[in-house]
PDB file of N, CA and C in Angstrom:
ATOM      1  N   MET A   1       0.845  -1.180   0.000  1.00  0.00           N
ATOM      2  CA  MET A   1       0.000   0.000   0.000  1.00  0.00           C
ATOM      3  C   MET A   1       0.888   1.239   0.000  1.00  0.00           C
ATOM      4  N   MET A   2       0.592   2.155  -0.889  1.00  0.00           N
ATOM      5  CA  MET A   2       1.387   3.376  -1.010  1.00  0.00           C
ATOM      6  C   MET A   2       0.643   4.547  -0.368  1.00  0.00           C
ATOM      7  N   ILE A   3       1.376   5.333   0.403  1.00  0.00           N
ATOM      8  CA  ILE A   3       0.784   6.504   1.034  1.00  0.00           C
ATOM      9  C   ILE A   3       0.834   7.657   0.038  1.00  0.00           C
ATOM     10  N   SER A   4      -0.290   8.333  -0.131  1.00  0.00           N
ATOM     11  CA  SER A   4      -0.388   9.440  -1.064  1.00  0.00           C
ATOM     12  C   SER A   4       0.539  10.583  -0.651  1.00  0.00           C
ATOM     13  N   LYS A   5       1.292  11.092  -1.618  1.00  0.00           N
ATOM     14  CA  LYS A   5       2.186  12.228  -1.344  1.00  0.00           C
ATOM     15  C   LYS A   5       1.385  13.456  -0.954  1.00  0.00           C
ATOM     16  N   ARG A   6       0.215  13.621  -1.549  1.00  0.00           N
ATOM     17  CA  ARG A   6      -0.629  14.775  -1.231  1.00  0.00           C
ATOM     18  C   ARG A   6      -1.085  14.724   0.225  1.00  0.00           C
ATOM     19  N   ILE A   7      -1.457  13.545   0.695  1.00  0.00           N
ATOM     20  CA  ILE A   7      -1.896  13.399   2.086  1.00  0.00           C
ATOM     21  C   ILE A   7      -0.735  13.697   3.036  1.00  0.00           C
ATOM     22  N   LEU A   8       0.439  13.194   2.727  1.00  0.00           N
ATOM     23  CA  LEU A   8       1.610  13.478   3.563  1.00  0.00           C
ATOM     24  C   LEU A   8       1.962  14.959   3.561  1.00  0.00           C
ATOM     25  N   LEU A   9       1.828  15.618   2.414  1.00  0.00           N
ATOM     26  CA  LEU A   9       2.113  17.046   2.327  1.00  0.00           C
ATOM     27  C   LEU A   9       1.125  17.853   3.168  1.00  0.00           C
ATOM     28  N   VAL A  10      -0.165  17.536   3.065  1.00  0.00           N
ATOM     29  CA  VAL A  10      -1.179  18.246   3.843  1.00  0.00           C
ATOM     30  C   VAL A  10      -0.973  17.999   5.339  1.00  0.00           C
ATOM     31  N   THR A  11      -0.688  16.758   5.700  1.00  0.00           N
ATOM     32  CA  THR A  11      -0.450  16.429   7.106  1.00  0.00           C
ATOM     33  C   THR A  11       0.762  17.190   7.645  1.00  0.00           C
ATOM     34  N   THR A  12       1.831  17.234   6.878  1.00  0.00           N
ATOM     35  CA  THR A  12       3.032  17.970   7.284  1.00  0.00           C
ATOM     36  C   THR A  12       2.719  19.455   7.448  1.00  0.00           C
ATOM     37  N   LEU A  13       1.972  20.018   6.520  1.00  0.00           N
ATOM     38  CA  LEU A  13       1.597  21.432   6.611  1.00  0.00           C
ATOM     39  C   LEU A  13       0.769  21.698   7.871  1.00  0.00           C
ATOM     40  N   LEU A  14      -0.184  20.813   8.167  1.00  0.00           N
ATOM     41  CA  LEU A  14      -1.010  20.981   9.367  1.00  0.00           C
ATOM     42  C   LEU A  14      -0.171  20.885  10.640  1.00  0.00           C
ATOM     43  N   ILE A  15       0.797  19.988  10.656  1.00  0.00           N
ATOM     44  CA  ILE A  15       1.674  19.868  11.830  1.00  0.00           C
ATOM     45  C   ILE A  15       2.500  21.140  12.002  1.00  0.00           C
ATOM     46  N   LEU A  16       3.008  21.677  10.903  1.00  0.00           N
ATOM     47  CA  LEU A  16       3.829  22.881  10.978  1.00  0.00           C
ATOM     48  C   LEU A  16       3.023  24.105  11.409  1.00  0.00           C
ATOM     49  N   VAL A  17       1.727  24.133  11.096  1.00  0.00           N
ATOM     50  CA  VAL A  17       0.875  25.268  11.449  1.00  0.00           C
ATOM     51  C   VAL A  17       0.284  25.103  12.853  1.00  0.00           C
ATOM     52  N   SER A  18       0.248  23.891  13.381  1.00  0.00           N
ATOM     53  CA  SER A  18      -0.426  23.621  14.653  1.00  0.00           C
ATOM     54  C   SER A  18       0.043  24.485  15.828  1.00  0.00           C
ATOM     55  N   PRO A  19       1.323  24.854  15.938  1.00  0.00           N
ATOM     56  CA  PRO A  19       1.715  25.708  17.066  1.00  0.00           C
ATOM     57  C   PRO A  19       1.049  27.084  17.052  1.00  0.00           C
ATOM     58  N   VAL A  20       0.660  27.546  15.870  1.00  0.00           N
ATOM     59  CA  VAL A  20      -0.020  28.839  15.801  1.00  0.00           C
ATOM     60  C   VAL A  20      -1.291  28.786  16.649  1.00  0.00           C
ATOM     61  N   PHE A  21      -2.026  27.684  16.550  1.00  0.00           N
ATOM     62  CA  PHE A  21      -3.283  27.558  17.281  1.00  0.00           C
ATOM     63  C   PHE A  21      -3.090  26.997  18.686  1.00  0.00           C
ATOM     64  N   GLY A  22      -2.203  26.016  18.829  1.00  0.00           N
ATOM     65  CA  GLY A  22      -2.043  25.344  20.109  1.00  0.00           C
ATOM     66  C   GLY A  22      -1.149  26.045  21.112  1.00  0.00           C
ATOM     67  N   VAL A  23      -0.290  26.948  20.635  1.00  0.00           N
ATOM     68  CA  VAL A  23       0.632  27.626  21.545  1.00  0.00           C
ATOM     69  C   VAL A  23       0.458  29.147  21.471  1.00  0.00           C
ATOM     70  N   ILE A  24       0.674  29.702  20.306  1.00  0.00           N
ATOM     71  CA  ILE A  24       0.718  31.159  20.166  1.00  0.00           C
ATOM     72  C   ILE A  24      -0.637  31.802  20.445  1.00  0.00           C
ATOM     73  N   LEU A  25      -1.677  31.399  19.706  1.00  0.00           N
ATOM     74  CA  LEU A  25      -2.996  31.998  19.906  1.00  0.00           C
ATOM     75  C   LEU A  25      -3.601  31.620  21.254  1.00  0.00           C
ATOM     76  N   ALA A  26      -3.303  30.407  21.731  1.00  0.00           N
ATOM     77  CA  ALA A  26      -3.803  29.996  23.052  1.00  0.00           C
ATOM     78  C   ALA A  26      -3.235  30.902  24.144  1.00  0.00           C
ATOM     79  N   ASP A  27      -1.982  31.277  24.013  1.00  0.00           N
ATOM     80  CA  ASP A  27      -1.374  32.208  24.973  1.00  0.00           C
ATOM     81  C   ASP A  27      -1.980  33.608  24.859  1.00  0.00           C
ATOM     82  N   ILE A  28      -2.221  34.041  23.629  1.00  0.00           N
ATOM     83  CA  ILE A  28      -2.758  35.385  23.415  1.00  0.00           C
ATOM     84  C   ILE A  28      -4.153  35.531  24.031  1.00  0.00           C
ATOM     85  N   VAL A  29      -5.020  34.516  23.819  1.00  0.00           N
ATOM     86  CA  VAL A  29      -6.397  34.620  24.334  1.00  0.00           C
ATOM     87  C   VAL A  29      -6.526  34.090  25.760  1.00  0.00           C
ATOM     88  N   GLY A  30      -5.454  33.526  26.308  1.00  0.00           N
ATOM     89  CA  GLY A  30      -5.487  33.024  27.680  1.00  0.00           C
ATOM     90  C   GLY A  30      -6.268  31.727  27.824  1.00  0.00           C
ATOM     91  N   TYR A  31      -6.199  30.868  26.811  1.00  0.00           N
ATOM     92  CA  TYR A  31      -6.940  29.609  26.832  1.00  0.00           C
ATOM     93  C   TYR A  31      -6.387  28.663  27.886  1.00  0.00           C
ATOM     94  N   HIS A  32      -7.291  28.013  28.604  1.00  0.00           N
ATOM     95  CA  HIS A  32      -6.934  26.965  29.565  1.00  0.00           C
ATOM     96  C   HIS A  32      -7.845  25.776  29.309  1.00  0.00           C
ATOM     97  N   GLU A  33      -7.305  24.587  29.446  1.00  0.00           N
ATOM     98  CA  GLU A  33      -8.088  23.377  29.228  1.00  0.00           C
ATOM     99  C   GLU A  33      -9.287  23.347  30.171  1.00  0.00           C
ATOM    100  N   PRO A  34     -10.482  23.006  29.660  1.00  0.00           N
ATOM    101  CA  PRO A  34     -11.678  22.961  30.506  1.00  0.00           C
ATOM    102  C   PRO A  34     -11.550  22.019  31.703  1.00  0.00           C
ATOM    103  N   LEU A  35     -10.897  20.879  31.530  1.00  0.00           N
ATOM    104  CA  LEU A  35     -10.737  19.963  32.662  1.00  0.00           C
ATOM    105  C   LEU A  35      -9.806  20.544  33.722  1.00  0.00           C
ATOM    106  N   ASP A  36      -8.817  21.309  33.305  1.00  0.00           N
ATOM    107  CA  ASP A  36      -7.948  21.988  34.270  1.00  0.00           C
ATOM    108  C   ASP A  36      -8.740  23.013  35.073  1.00  0.00           C
ATOM    109  N   LEU A  37      -9.619  23.746  34.390  1.00  0.00           N
ATOM    110  CA  LEU A  37     -10.452  24.735  35.074  1.00  0.00           C
ATOM    111  C   LEU A  37     -11.411  24.064  36.053  1.00  0.00           C
ATOM    112  N   ALA A  38     -11.997  22.934  35.648  1.00  0.00           N
ATOM    113  CA  ALA A  38     -12.918  22.213  36.527  1.00  0.00           C
ATOM    114  C   ALA A  38     -12.180  21.678  37.754  1.00  0.00           C
ATOM    115  N   ALA A  39     -10.987  21.133  37.545  1.00  0.00           N
ATOM    116  CA  ALA A  39     -10.203  20.621  38.673  1.00  0.00           C
ATOM    117  C   ALA A  39      -9.830  21.743  39.630  1.00  0.00           C
ATOM    118  N   GLU A  40      -9.495  22.898  39.088  1.00  0.00           N
ATOM    119  CA  GLU A  40      -9.154  24.048  39.925  1.00  0.00           C
ATOM    120  C   GLU A  40     -10.373  24.517  40.725  1.00  0.00           C
ATOM    121  N   ALA A  41     -11.545  24.522  40.084  1.00  0.00           N
ATOM    122  CA  ALA A  41     -12.772  24.944  40.767  1.00  0.00           C
ATOM    123  C   ALA A  41     -13.142  23.977  41.898  1.00  0.00           C
ATOM    124  N   LEU A  42     -12.781  22.708  41.716  1.00  0.00           N
ATOM    125  CA  LEU A  42     -13.062  21.704  42.743  1.00  0.00           C
ATOM    126  C   LEU A  42     -11.981  21.644  43.817  1.00  0.00           C
ATOM    127  N   GLY A  43     -10.920  22.397  43.619  1.00  0.00           N
ATOM    128  CA  GLY A  43      -9.840  22.422  44.600  1.00  0.00           C
ATOM    129  C   GLY A  43      -8.909  21.221  44.522  1.00  0.00           C
ATOM    130  N   LEU A  44      -8.894  20.537  43.389  1.00  0.00           N
ATOM    131  CA  LEU A  44      -8.000  19.394  43.226  1.00  0.00           C
ATOM    132  C   LEU A  44      -6.585  19.876  42.968  1.00  0.00           C
ATOM    133  N   GLU A  45      -5.611  19.162  43.486  1.00  0.00           N
ATOM    134  CA  GLU A  45      -4.227  19.593  43.296  1.00  0.00           C
ATOM    135  C   GLU A  45      -3.642  18.986  42.026  1.00  0.00           C
ATOM    136  N   GLU A  46      -2.682  19.671  41.469  1.00  0.00           N
ATOM    137  CA  GLU A  46      -2.019  19.258  40.233  1.00  0.00           C
ATOM    138  C   GLU A  46      -1.020  18.144  40.525  1.00  0.00           C
ATOM    139  N   VAL A  47      -1.212  16.982  39.917  1.00  0.00           N
ATOM    140  CA  VAL A  47      -0.294  15.854  40.117  1.00  0.00           C
ATOM    141  C   VAL A  47       0.333  15.405  38.799  1.00  0.00           C
ATOM    142  N   THR A  48       0.119  16.170  37.741  1.00  0.00           N
ATOM    143  CA  THR A  48       0.639  15.794  36.429  1.00  0.00           C
ATOM    144  C   THR A  48       2.146  15.610  36.460  1.00  0.00           C
ATOM    145  N   GLU A  49       2.842  16.505  37.099  1.00  0.00           N
ATOM    146  CA  GLU A  49       4.303  16.423  37.156  1.00  0.00           C
ATOM    147  C   GLU A  49       4.765  15.155  37.885  1.00  0.00           C
ATOM    148  N   ASP A  50       4.011  14.718  38.890  1.00  0.00           N
ATOM    149  CA  ASP A  50       4.378  13.533  39.667  1.00  0.00           C
ATOM    150  C   ASP A  50       4.106  12.242  38.898  1.00  0.00           C
ATOM    151  N   LEU A  51       3.039  12.236  38.105  1.00  0.00           N
ATOM    152  CA  LEU A  51       2.622  11.011  37.413  1.00  0.00           C
ATOM    153  C   LEU A  51       3.090  10.947  35.969  1.00  0.00           C
ATOM    154  N   ASN A  52       3.762  11.964  35.511  1.00  0.00           N
ATOM    155  CA  ASN A  52       4.167  12.036  34.106  1.00  0.00           C
ATOM    156  C   ASN A  52       5.199  10.961  33.795  1.00  0.00           C
ATOM    157  N   TRP A  53       4.934  10.183  32.756  1.00  0.00           N
ATOM    158  CA  TRP A  53       5.866   9.135  32.339  1.00  0.00           C
ATOM    159  C   TRP A  53       6.467   9.421  30.975  1.00  0.00           C
ATOM    160  N   THR A  54       6.139  10.556  30.400  1.00  0.00           N
ATOM    161  CA  THR A  54       6.626  10.874  29.065  1.00  0.00           C
ATOM    162  C   THR A  54       7.486  12.135  29.092  1.00  0.00           C
ATOM    163  N   PRO A  55       8.475  12.228  28.227  1.00  0.00           N
ATOM    164  CA  PRO A  55       9.249  13.470  28.150  1.00  0.00           C
ATOM    165  C   PRO A  55       8.507  14.570  27.392  1.00  0.00           C
ATOM    166  N   PHE A  56       7.323  14.255  26.851  1.00  0.00           N
ATOM    167  CA  PHE A  56       6.586  15.209  26.023  1.00  0.00           C
ATOM    168  C   PHE A  56       5.359  15.768  26.736  1.00  0.00           C
ATOM    169  N   LEU A  57       5.524  16.163  27.987  1.00  0.00           N
ATOM    170  CA  LEU A  57       4.429  16.734  28.761  1.00  0.00           C
ATOM    171  C   LEU A  57       3.893  17.984  28.072  1.00  0.00           C
ATOM    172  N   ASP A  58       2.604  18.041  27.865  1.00  0.00           N
ATOM    173  CA  ASP A  58       1.947  19.176  27.198  1.00  0.00           C
ATOM    174  C   ASP A  58       2.519  19.443  25.807  1.00  0.00           C
ATOM    175  N   TYR A  59       2.888  18.389  25.105  1.00  0.00           N
ATOM    176  CA  TYR A  59       3.392  18.469  23.725  1.00  0.00           C
ATOM    177  C   TYR A  59       4.666  19.300  23.616  1.00  0.00           C
ATOM    178  N   THR A  60       5.472  19.285  24.646  1.00  0.00           N
ATOM    179  CA  THR A  60       6.742  20.004  24.614  1.00  0.00           C
ATOM    180  C   THR A  60       7.888  19.004  24.607  1.00  0.00           C
ATOM    181  N   VAL A  61       9.035  19.460  24.180  1.00  0.00           N
ATOM    182  CA  VAL A  61      10.249  18.641  24.196  1.00  0.00           C
ATOM    183  C   VAL A  61      11.258  19.390  25.051  1.00  0.00           C
ATOM    184  N   PRO A  62      11.789  18.733  26.065  1.00  0.00           N
ATOM    185  CA  PRO A  62      12.752  19.416  26.942  1.00  0.00           C
ATOM    186  C   PRO A  62      13.908  20.017  26.145  1.00  0.00           C
ATOM    187  N   GLY A  63      14.214  21.273  26.423  1.00  0.00           N
ATOM    188  CA  GLY A  63      15.317  21.950  25.761  1.00  0.00           C
ATOM    189  C   GLY A  63      14.938  22.685  24.484  1.00  0.00           C
ATOM    190  N   LEU A  64      13.698  22.533  24.020  1.00  0.00           N
ATOM    191  CA  LEU A  64      13.252  23.222  22.816  1.00  0.00           C
ATOM    192  C   LEU A  64      12.140  24.202  23.152  1.00  0.00           C
ATOM    193  N   PRO A  65      12.002  25.257  22.349  1.00  0.00           N
ATOM    194  CA  PRO A  65      10.862  26.162  22.565  1.00  0.00           C
ATOM    195  C   PRO A  65       9.543  25.407  22.402  1.00  0.00           C
ATOM    196  N   ASP A  66       8.484  25.897  23.047  1.00  0.00           N
ATOM    197  CA  ASP A  66       7.189  25.219  22.994  1.00  0.00           C
ATOM    198  C   ASP A  66       6.698  25.003  21.568  1.00  0.00           C
ATOM    199  N   THR A  67       6.888  25.988  20.702  1.00  0.00           N
ATOM    200  CA  THR A  67       6.396  25.849  19.331  1.00  0.00           C
ATOM    201  C   THR A  67       7.110  24.727  18.585  1.00  0.00           C
ATOM    202  N   VAL A  68       8.405  24.613  18.766  1.00  0.00           N
ATOM    203  CA  VAL A  68       9.170  23.540  18.109  1.00  0.00           C
ATOM    204  C   VAL A  68       8.797  22.184  18.715  1.00  0.00           C
ATOM    205  N   GLY A  69       8.632  22.137  20.026  1.00  0.00           N
ATOM    206  CA  GLY A  69       8.217  20.901  20.683  1.00  0.00           C
ATOM    207  C   GLY A  69       6.860  20.422  20.201  1.00  0.00           C
ATOM    208  N   TYR A  70       5.955  21.357  19.945  1.00  0.00           N
ATOM    209  CA  TYR A  70       4.637  21.031  19.419  1.00  0.00           C
ATOM    210  C   TYR A  70       4.771  20.343  18.066  1.00  0.00           C
ATOM    211  N   ILE A  71       5.666  20.851  17.224  1.00  0.00           N
ATOM    212  CA  ILE A  71       5.886  20.273  15.893  1.00  0.00           C
ATOM    213  C   ILE A  71       6.514  18.892  16.014  1.00  0.00           C
ATOM    214  N   VAL A  72       7.536  18.756  16.853  1.00  0.00           N
ATOM    215  CA  VAL A  72       8.191  17.454  17.045  1.00  0.00           C
ATOM    216  C   VAL A  72       7.188  16.426  17.576  1.00  0.00           C
ATOM    217  N   SER A  73       6.381  16.816  18.545  1.00  0.00           N
ATOM    218  CA  SER A  73       5.369  15.914  19.090  1.00  0.00           C
ATOM    219  C   SER A  73       4.354  15.509  18.021  1.00  0.00           C
ATOM    220  N   GLY A  74       4.010  16.449  17.150  1.00  0.00           N
ATOM    221  CA  GLY A  74       3.079  16.142  16.060  1.00  0.00           C
ATOM    222  C   GLY A  74       3.648  15.095  15.119  1.00  0.00           C
ATOM    223  N   PHE A  75       4.915  15.252  14.739  1.00  0.00           N
ATOM    224  CA  PHE A  75       5.536  14.272  13.848  1.00  0.00           C
ATOM    225  C   PHE A  75       5.660  12.904  14.523  1.00  0.00           C
ATOM    226  N   ILE A  76       5.988  12.890  15.799  1.00  0.00           N
ATOM    227  CA  ILE A  76       6.078  11.611  16.513  1.00  0.00           C
ATOM    228  C   ILE A  76       4.698  10.938  16.561  1.00  0.00           C
ATOM    229  N   GLY A  77       3.670  11.705  16.884  1.00  0.00           N
ATOM    230  CA  GLY A  77       2.319  11.155  16.949  1.00  0.00           C
ATOM    231  C   GLY A  77       1.848  10.613  15.614  1.00  0.00           C
ATOM    232  N   ILE A  78       2.053  11.373  14.544  1.00  0.00           N
ATOM    233  CA  ILE A  78       1.659  10.923  13.210  1.00  0.00           C
ATOM    234  C   ILE A  78       2.473   9.689  12.818  1.00  0.00           C
ATOM    235  N   GLY A  79       3.752   9.679  13.146  1.00  0.00           N
ATOM    236  CA  GLY A  79       4.587   8.512  12.832  1.00  0.00           C
ATOM    237  C   GLY A  79       4.094   7.255  13.527  1.00  0.00           C
ATOM    238  N   VAL A  80       3.717   7.369  14.791  1.00  0.00           N
ATOM    239  CA  VAL A  80       3.207   6.204  15.535  1.00  0.00           C
ATOM    240  C   VAL A  80       1.901   5.712  14.927  1.00  0.00           C
ATOM    241  N   VAL A  81       0.991   6.643  14.633  1.00  0.00           N
ATOM    242  CA  VAL A  81      -0.299   6.248  14.051  1.00  0.00           C
ATOM    243  C   VAL A  81      -0.109   5.602  12.678  1.00  0.00           C
ATOM    244  N   LEU A  82       0.753   6.191  11.844  1.00  0.00           N
ATOM    245  CA  LEU A  82       1.026   5.597  10.530  1.00  0.00           C
ATOM    246  C   LEU A  82       1.658   4.211  10.656  1.00  0.00           C
ATOM    247  N   ALA A  83       2.617   4.067  11.548  1.00  0.00           N
ATOM    248  CA  ALA A  83       3.270   2.769  11.726  1.00  0.00           C
ATOM    249  C   ALA A  83       2.274   1.709  12.182  1.00  0.00           C
ATOM    250  N   LEU A  84       1.425   2.059  13.138  1.00  0.00           N
ATOM    251  CA  LEU A  84       0.422   1.096  13.603  1.00  0.00           C
ATOM    252  C   LEU A  84      -0.579   0.769  12.503  1.00  0.00           C
ATOM    253  N   GLY A  85      -1.029   1.792  11.780  1.00  0.00           N
ATOM    254  CA  GLY A  85      -1.995   1.572  10.701  1.00  0.00           C
ATOM    255  C   GLY A  85      -1.426   0.718   9.591  1.00  0.00           C
ATOM    256  N   LEU A  86      -0.216   1.030   9.152  1.00  0.00           N
ATOM    257  CA  LEU A  86       0.401   0.238   8.082  1.00  0.00           C
ATOM    258  C   LEU A  86       0.690  -1.189   8.534  1.00  0.00           C
ATOM    259  N   SER A  87       1.082  -1.360   9.783  1.00  0.00           N
ATOM    260  CA  SER A  87       1.311  -2.702  10.312  1.00  0.00           C
ATOM    261  C   SER A  87       0.012  -3.507  10.324  1.00  0.00           C
ATOM    262  N   LEU A  88      -1.057  -2.869  10.724  1.00  0.00           N
ATOM    263  CA  LEU A  88      -2.355  -3.532  10.763  1.00  0.00           C
ATOM    264  C   LEU A  88      -2.820  -3.898   9.364  1.00  0.00           C
ATOM    265  N   VAL A  89      -2.634  -3.007   8.403  1.00  0.00           N
ATOM    266  CA  VAL A  89      -3.021  -3.291   7.017  1.00  0.00           C
ATOM    267  C   VAL A  89      -2.222  -4.474   6.475  1.00  0.00           C
ATOM    268  N   ARG A  90      -0.942  -4.499   6.743  1.00  0.00           N
ATOM    269  CA  ARG A  90      -0.110  -5.620   6.274  1.00  0.00           C
ATOM    270  C   ARG A  90      -0.491  -6.927   6.951  1.00  0.00           C
ATOM    271  N   LEU A  91      -0.780  -6.842   8.242  1.00  0.00           N
ATOM    272  CA  LEU A  91      -1.156  -8.048   8.983  1.00  0.00           C
ATOM    273  C   LEU A  91      -2.478  -8.607   8.471  1.00  0.00           C
ATOM    274  N   LEU A  92      -3.461  -7.756   8.286  1.00  0.00           N
ATOM    275  CA  LEU A  92      -4.771  -8.215   7.823  1.00  0.00           C
ATOM    276  C   LEU A  92      -4.783  -8.499   6.341  1.00  0.00           C
ATOM    277  N   GLY A  93      -3.939  -7.836   5.573  1.00  0.00           N
ATOM    278  CA  GLY A  93      -3.898  -8.037   4.136  1.00  0.00           C
ATOM    279  C   GLY A  93      -3.197  -9.298   3.720  1.00  0.00           C
ATOM    280  N   SER A  94      -2.418  -9.899   4.604  1.00  0.00           N
ATOM    281  CA  SER A  94      -1.660 -11.093   4.237  1.00  0.00           C
ATOM    282  C   SER A  94      -2.481 -12.370   4.310  1.00  0.00           C
ATOM    283  N   LYS A  95      -3.690 -12.292   4.820  1.00  0.00           N
ATOM    284  CA  LYS A  95      -4.523 -13.509   4.939  1.00  0.00           C
ATOM    285  C   LYS A  95      -5.284 -13.805   3.691  1.00  0.00           C
TER     286      LYS A  95
END
């Protein structure tokens, strides 16, 4: 199975643009995740830092600016999904 170049190009473009919405504009308008706001209203304490098992907390990469980390996380996520999808297609297609 061949992956369409057009689909990869559009996906890459969307990943490169994603920090505009997920980091830059979110900071400008003061966006906060609704579940974070609900937890704060209920007086729950933040334990994300204690339970975090990934180096990509909040789609960031340690040592890189947030916008670049957002892009790196996007490529990693798309790569994992593509690898799993292609593996599944090959596994089911071989029968």
